[in-house]
Amino acid sequence: MIYRFLILSDEVDDFKREIQIRSDATFLDLHRAILDATGFEEGQMCSFFLCDDDWHKKTEITLIDMGAPSEVDTYVMDGTPLDELLEDERQKMLYVFDYMMERVFFMELSEIITGQHLDRAICTVSAGLPPVQTYTMEEMEKRMDPIDLDEDFYGDSEYDPEELGELGYDDAIESYYEDDRY
């Protein structure tokens, strides 16, 4: 069987990739096919997330073992065949390729082709340029919302930021250890 995935980006309107891959290939094989189809480089943390119809994240498939507790089902890309978790056409997934900025590709298993076989994954549609894989520090700063450190940030309208300066760092450490409990 062959799985055909449609890949879109909310950052670049005309970006589209379609990848066909064996159903028994691993998520790592799919990851590498995405890298090849976009020109992205290896070495960045990434994950796949199976999603419900409203794009809410459900099951995560990580690039490396993240050491989750044993009572939690964990999936690692190189040990998880696609057909272990994907059974139905129209299954939605997110491919998180930039953890710092939470940037993703939206993916859908658009077709399951029975009776055919591929030796390796192929990109059958390549339209538009992909978004940049990672941002420079300057680009990240431009895209991040500044934090408003007004009185509401501290949760108390009576908060006076000058109070922090009244007790110096050394005095604070000294008073901490002078407390009878320490």
C-alpha atoms as a PDB file:
ATOM      1  CA  MET A   1       0.000   0.000   0.000  1.00  0.00           C
ATOM      2  CA  ILE A   2       0.993   3.582  -0.578  1.00  0.00           C
ATOM      3  CA  TYR A   3       0.058   6.567   1.572  1.00  0.00           C
ATOM      4  CA  ARG A   4      -0.286   9.913  -0.165  1.00  0.00           C
ATOM      5  CA  PHE A   5       0.190  12.933   2.136  1.00  0.00           C
ATOM      6  CA  LEU A   6      -0.717  16.518   1.359  1.00  0.00           C
ATOM      7  CA  ILE A   7       1.479  19.058   3.195  1.00  0.00           C
ATOM      8  CA  LEU A   8       0.562  22.752   3.577  1.00  0.00           C
ATOM      9  CA  SER A   9       1.891  25.754   5.484  1.00  0.00           C
ATOM     10  CA  ASP A  10      -0.037  28.599   7.071  1.00  0.00           C
ATOM     11  CA  GLU A  11       3.014  30.842   6.536  1.00  0.00           C
ATOM     12  CA  VAL A  12       3.338  30.541   2.752  1.00  0.00           C
ATOM     13  CA  ASP A  13       0.087  30.540   0.779  1.00  0.00           C
ATOM     14  CA  ASP A  14       1.368  28.885  -2.387  1.00  0.00           C
ATOM     15  CA  PHE A  15       3.447  26.201  -0.612  1.00  0.00           C
ATOM     16  CA  LYS A  16       2.256  22.658  -1.227  1.00  0.00           C
ATOM     17  CA  ARG A  17       3.984  19.301  -1.169  1.00  0.00           C
ATOM     18  CA  GLU A  18       2.578  15.879  -1.841  1.00  0.00           C
ATOM     19  CA  ILE A  19       4.550  12.873  -0.710  1.00  0.00           C
ATOM     20  CA  GLN A  20       3.860   9.252  -1.523  1.00  0.00           C
ATOM     21  CA  ILE A  21       5.406   6.644   0.756  1.00  0.00           C
ATOM     22  CA  ARG A  22       4.980   2.965   1.600  1.00  0.00           C
ATOM     23  CA  SER A  23       2.439   2.373   4.352  1.00  0.00           C
ATOM     24  CA  ASP A  24       4.943   0.206   6.233  1.00  0.00           C
ATOM     25  CA  ALA A  25       7.637   2.913   6.169  1.00  0.00           C
ATOM     26  CA  THR A  26       8.404   4.571   9.497  1.00  0.00           C
ATOM     27  CA  PHE A  27       7.626   8.083  10.620  1.00  0.00           C
ATOM     28  CA  LEU A  28      11.393   8.664  10.380  1.00  0.00           C
ATOM     29  CA  ASP A  29      11.206   7.803   6.671  1.00  0.00           C
ATOM     30  CA  LEU A  30       8.361  10.321   6.306  1.00  0.00           C
ATOM     31  CA  HIS A  31      10.360  12.913   8.235  1.00  0.00           C
ATOM     32  CA  ARG A  32      13.307  12.444   5.866  1.00  0.00           C
ATOM     33  CA  ALA A  33      11.001  12.667   2.838  1.00  0.00           C
ATOM     34  CA  ILE A  34       9.703  16.000   4.154  1.00  0.00           C
ATOM     35  CA  LEU A  35      13.265  17.248   4.626  1.00  0.00           C
ATOM     36  CA  ASP A  36      14.098  16.224   1.049  1.00  0.00           C
ATOM     37  CA  ALA A  37      10.936  17.833  -0.340  1.00  0.00           C
ATOM     38  CA  THR A  38      11.511  21.139   1.464  1.00  0.00           C
ATOM     39  CA  GLY A  39      15.297  21.376   1.456  1.00  0.00           C
ATOM     40  CA  PHE A  40      15.320  21.514   5.251  1.00  0.00           C
ATOM     41  CA  GLU A  41      18.419  20.306   7.057  1.00  0.00           C
ATOM     42  CA  GLU A  42      18.584  17.496   9.596  1.00  0.00           C
ATOM     43  CA  GLY A  43      19.511  18.232  13.184  1.00  0.00           C
ATOM     44  CA  GLN A  44      16.447  20.148  14.354  1.00  0.00           C
ATOM     45  CA  MET A  45      14.029  18.792  16.949  1.00  0.00           C
ATOM     46  CA  CYS A  46      10.713  17.874  15.400  1.00  0.00           C
ATOM     47  CA  SER A  47       7.619  15.797  16.050  1.00  0.00           C
ATOM     48  CA  PHE A  48       4.523  14.545  14.332  1.00  0.00           C
ATOM     49  CA  PHE A  49       1.172  14.895  16.073  1.00  0.00           C
ATOM     50  CA  LEU A  50      -1.893  12.924  15.085  1.00  0.00           C
ATOM     51  CA  CYS A  51      -4.830  15.322  15.296  1.00  0.00           C
ATOM     52  CA  ASP A  52      -8.579  15.208  15.443  1.00  0.00           C
ATOM     53  CA  ASP A  53     -10.675  16.829  12.703  1.00  0.00           C
ATOM     54  CA  ASP A  54     -10.268  20.246  14.384  1.00  0.00           C
ATOM     55  CA  TRP A  55      -6.445  20.012  14.433  1.00  0.00           C
ATOM     56  CA  HIS A  56      -6.239  19.390  18.177  1.00  0.00           C
ATOM     57  CA  LYS A  57      -3.088  17.436  19.011  1.00  0.00           C
ATOM     58  CA  LYS A  58      -3.641  13.883  20.206  1.00  0.00           C
ATOM     59  CA  THR A  59      -0.732  11.442  19.803  1.00  0.00           C
ATOM     60  CA  GLU A  60       2.881  12.617  19.506  1.00  0.00           C
ATOM     61  CA  ILE A  61       5.582  10.794  17.567  1.00  0.00           C
ATOM     62  CA  THR A  62       8.993  12.200  18.546  1.00  0.00           C
ATOM     63  CA  LEU A  63      12.302  12.177  16.712  1.00  0.00           C
ATOM     64  CA  ILE A  64      14.104  10.843  19.778  1.00  0.00           C
ATOM     65  CA  ASP A  65      12.989   9.157  22.980  1.00  0.00           C
ATOM     66  CA  MET A  66      12.028  11.990  25.332  1.00  0.00           C
ATOM     67  CA  GLY A  67      11.991   9.808  28.449  1.00  0.00           C
ATOM     68  CA  ALA A  68       8.253   9.957  29.102  1.00  0.00           C
ATOM     69  CA  PRO A  69       6.895   7.990  32.074  1.00  0.00           C
ATOM     70  CA  SER A  70       6.388   4.297  31.326  1.00  0.00           C
ATOM     71  CA  GLU A  71       2.622   4.480  31.874  1.00  0.00           C
ATOM     72  CA  VAL A  72       2.316   6.878  28.918  1.00  0.00           C
ATOM     73  CA  ASP A  73       2.273   5.456  25.392  1.00  0.00           C
ATOM     74  CA  THR A  74       5.313   6.867  23.624  1.00  0.00           C
ATOM     75  CA  TYR A  75       6.147   6.666  19.967  1.00  0.00           C
ATOM     76  CA  VAL A  76       9.543   7.337  18.409  1.00  0.00           C
ATOM     77  CA  MET A  77       9.822   7.949  14.663  1.00  0.00           C
ATOM     78  CA  ASP A  78      12.364   5.254  13.846  1.00  0.00           C
ATOM     79  CA  GLY A  79      10.408   2.546  15.663  1.00  0.00           C
ATOM     80  CA  THR A  80       6.894   3.417  14.533  1.00  0.00           C
ATOM     81  CA  PRO A  81       5.578   2.300  11.135  1.00  0.00           C
ATOM     82  CA  LEU A  82       3.053   4.649   9.555  1.00  0.00           C
ATOM     83  CA  ASP A  83       0.408   1.910   9.289  1.00  0.00           C
ATOM     84  CA  GLU A  84       0.631   1.301  13.046  1.00  0.00           C
ATOM     85  CA  LEU A  85      -1.053   4.651  13.753  1.00  0.00           C
ATOM     86  CA  LEU A  86      -2.609   5.673  10.424  1.00  0.00           C
ATOM     87  CA  GLU A  87      -5.521   3.654   9.113  1.00  0.00           C
ATOM     88  CA  ASP A  88      -7.999   6.088   7.586  1.00  0.00           C
ATOM     89  CA  GLU A  89      -7.930   8.544   4.742  1.00  0.00           C
ATOM     90  CA  ARG A  90      -8.290  12.180   5.808  1.00  0.00           C
ATOM     91  CA  GLN A  91      -6.304  11.593   9.013  1.00  0.00           C
ATOM     92  CA  LYS A  92      -4.872  14.962  10.017  1.00  0.00           C
ATOM     93  CA  MET A  93      -1.370  15.477  11.379  1.00  0.00           C
ATOM     94  CA  LEU A  94       0.908  18.315  12.361  1.00  0.00           C
ATOM     95  CA  TYR A  95       4.621  18.201  11.645  1.00  0.00           C
ATOM     96  CA  VAL A  96       6.321  20.537  14.125  1.00  0.00           C
ATOM     97  CA  PHE A  97       9.603  21.574  12.517  1.00  0.00           C
ATOM     98  CA  ASP A  98      10.438  24.581  14.713  1.00  0.00           C
ATOM     99  CA  TYR A  99       9.849  23.956  18.413  1.00  0.00           C
ATOM    100  CA  MET A 100      11.055  27.405  19.533  1.00  0.00           C
ATOM    101  CA  MET A 101       8.408  29.229  17.537  1.00  0.00           C
ATOM    102  CA  GLU A 102       5.878  26.357  17.359  1.00  0.00           C
ATOM    103  CA  ARG A 103       5.862  26.380  13.569  1.00  0.00           C
ATOM    104  CA  VAL A 104       4.196  23.497  11.763  1.00  0.00           C
ATOM    105  CA  PHE A 105       3.178  21.939   8.503  1.00  0.00           C
ATOM    106  CA  PHE A 106      -0.426  20.828   8.250  1.00  0.00           C
ATOM    107  CA  MET A 107      -0.638  17.319   6.835  1.00  0.00           C
ATOM    108  CA  GLU A 108      -3.423  15.064   5.723  1.00  0.00           C
ATOM    109  CA  LEU A 109      -3.368  11.444   4.639  1.00  0.00           C
ATOM    110  CA  SER A 110      -5.218  12.299   1.448  1.00  0.00           C
ATOM    111  CA  GLU A 111      -5.291   8.838  -0.118  1.00  0.00           C
ATOM    112  CA  ILE A 112      -4.496   5.204   0.607  1.00  0.00           C
ATOM    113  CA  ILE A 113      -3.533   3.465  -2.625  1.00  0.00           C
ATOM    114  CA  THR A 114      -3.884  -0.310  -2.437  1.00  0.00           C
ATOM    115  CA  GLY A 115      -2.216  -2.811  -4.731  1.00  0.00           C
ATOM    116  CA  GLN A 116       0.820  -0.622  -5.416  1.00  0.00           C
ATOM    117  CA  HIS A 117       4.322  -0.476  -3.964  1.00  0.00           C
ATOM    118  CA  LEU A 118       7.169   2.049  -3.820  1.00  0.00           C
ATOM    119  CA  ASP A 119      10.821   1.390  -3.120  1.00  0.00           C
ATOM    120  CA  ARG A 120      11.297   4.807  -1.533  1.00  0.00           C
ATOM    121  CA  ALA A 121       9.293   7.922  -0.741  1.00  0.00           C
ATOM    122  CA  ILE A 122       8.752  10.392  -3.568  1.00  0.00           C
ATOM    123  CA  CYS A 123       7.556  13.971  -3.746  1.00  0.00           C
ATOM    124  CA  THR A 124       4.892  14.020  -6.478  1.00  0.00           C
ATOM    125  CA  VAL A 125       3.815  17.671  -6.131  1.00  0.00           C
ATOM    126  CA  SER A 126       6.123  20.551  -5.279  1.00  0.00           C
ATOM    127  CA  ALA A 127       4.611  24.034  -5.481  1.00  0.00           C
ATOM    128  CA  GLY A 128       5.906  27.233  -3.916  1.00  0.00           C
ATOM    129  CA  LEU A 129       8.881  27.827  -1.685  1.00  0.00           C
ATOM    130  CA  PRO A 130       8.807  26.412   1.849  1.00  0.00           C
ATOM    131  CA  PRO A 131       8.974  28.742   4.834  1.00  0.00           C
ATOM    132  CA  VAL A 132      12.416  29.170   6.359  1.00  0.00           C
ATOM    133  CA  GLN A 133      13.270  26.274   8.641  1.00  0.00           C
ATOM    134  CA  THR A 134      14.503  28.344  11.575  1.00  0.00           C
ATOM    135  CA  TYR A 135      14.620  32.032  12.375  1.00  0.00           C
ATOM    136  CA  THR A 136      17.643  34.055  13.360  1.00  0.00           C
ATOM    137  CA  MET A 137      17.528  35.645  16.816  1.00  0.00           C
ATOM    138  CA  GLU A 138      16.580  38.996  15.252  1.00  0.00           C
ATOM    139  CA  GLU A 139      13.706  37.425  13.307  1.00  0.00           C
ATOM    140  CA  MET A 140      12.510  35.616  16.456  1.00  0.00           C
ATOM    141  CA  GLU A 141      12.506  38.849  18.450  1.00  0.00           C
ATOM    142  CA  LYS A 142      10.457  40.588  15.729  1.00  0.00           C
ATOM    143  CA  ARG A 143       7.870  37.812  15.712  1.00  0.00           C
ATOM    144  CA  MET A 144       7.524  37.423  19.485  1.00  0.00           C
ATOM    145  CA  ASP A 145       4.996  39.520  21.337  1.00  0.00           C
ATOM    146  CA  PRO A 146       6.631  41.781  23.896  1.00  0.00           C
ATOM    147  CA  ILE A 147       5.663  41.026  27.485  1.00  0.00           C
ATOM    148  CA  ASP A 148       3.877  43.870  29.196  1.00  0.00           C
ATOM    149  CA  LEU A 149       5.370  44.074  32.685  1.00  0.00           C
ATOM    150  CA  ASP A 150       2.758  46.416  34.074  1.00  0.00           C
ATOM    151  CA  GLU A 151       1.021  45.939  37.400  1.00  0.00           C
ATOM    152  CA  ASP A 152      -1.353  43.331  35.937  1.00  0.00           C
ATOM    153  CA  PHE A 153       1.608  41.089  35.065  1.00  0.00           C
ATOM    154  CA  TYR A 154       2.324  40.655  38.764  1.00  0.00           C
ATOM    155  CA  GLY A 155      -1.316  40.074  39.621  1.00  0.00           C
ATOM    156  CA  ASP A 156      -1.607  42.876  42.145  1.00  0.00           C
ATOM    157  CA  SER A 157      -2.582  46.429  41.386  1.00  0.00           C
ATOM    158  CA  GLU A 158      -0.847  47.439  44.648  1.00  0.00           C
ATOM    159  CA  TYR A 159       2.479  46.036  43.442  1.00  0.00           C
ATOM    160  CA  ASP A 160       5.299  48.569  43.421  1.00  0.00           C
ATOM    161  CA  PRO A 161       8.302  47.559  41.282  1.00  0.00           C
ATOM    162  CA  GLU A 162      10.485  49.840  43.417  1.00  0.00           C
ATOM    163  CA  GLU A 163      10.011  47.424  46.330  1.00  0.00           C
ATOM    164  CA  LEU A 164      12.461  45.035  44.689  1.00  0.00           C
ATOM    165  CA  GLY A 165      15.248  47.583  44.991  1.00  0.00           C
ATOM    166  CA  GLU A 166      14.741  48.252  48.701  1.00  0.00           C
ATOM    167  CA  LEU A 167      16.279  44.970  49.768  1.00  0.00           C
ATOM    168  CA  GLY A 168      19.575  44.175  48.043  1.00  0.00           C
ATOM    169  CA  TYR A 169      20.552  40.687  46.878  1.00  0.00           C
ATOM    170  CA  ASP A 170      23.105  40.169  49.674  1.00  0.00           C
ATOM    171  CA  ASP A 171      20.623  41.345  52.302  1.00  0.00           C
ATOM    172  CA  ALA A 172      18.000  38.950  50.937  1.00  0.00           C
ATOM    173  CA  ILE A 173      20.381  35.969  51.134  1.00  0.00           C
ATOM    174  CA  GLU A 174      21.471  36.938  54.646  1.00  0.00           C
ATOM    175  CA  SER A 175      17.908  37.302  55.912  1.00  0.00           C
ATOM    176  CA  TYR A 176      17.028  33.947  54.335  1.00  0.00           C
ATOM    177  CA  TYR A 177      19.686  32.140  56.374  1.00  0.00           C
ATOM    178  CA  GLU A 178      18.985  34.128  59.553  1.00  0.00           C
ATOM    179  CA  ASP A 179      15.526  32.633  59.679  1.00  0.00           C
ATOM    180  CA  ASP A 180      15.471  30.031  62.493  1.00  0.00           C
ATOM    181  CA  ARG A 181      14.204  27.332  60.116  1.00  0.00           C
ATOM    182  CA  TYR A 182      17.521  27.185  58.184  1.00  0.00           C
END
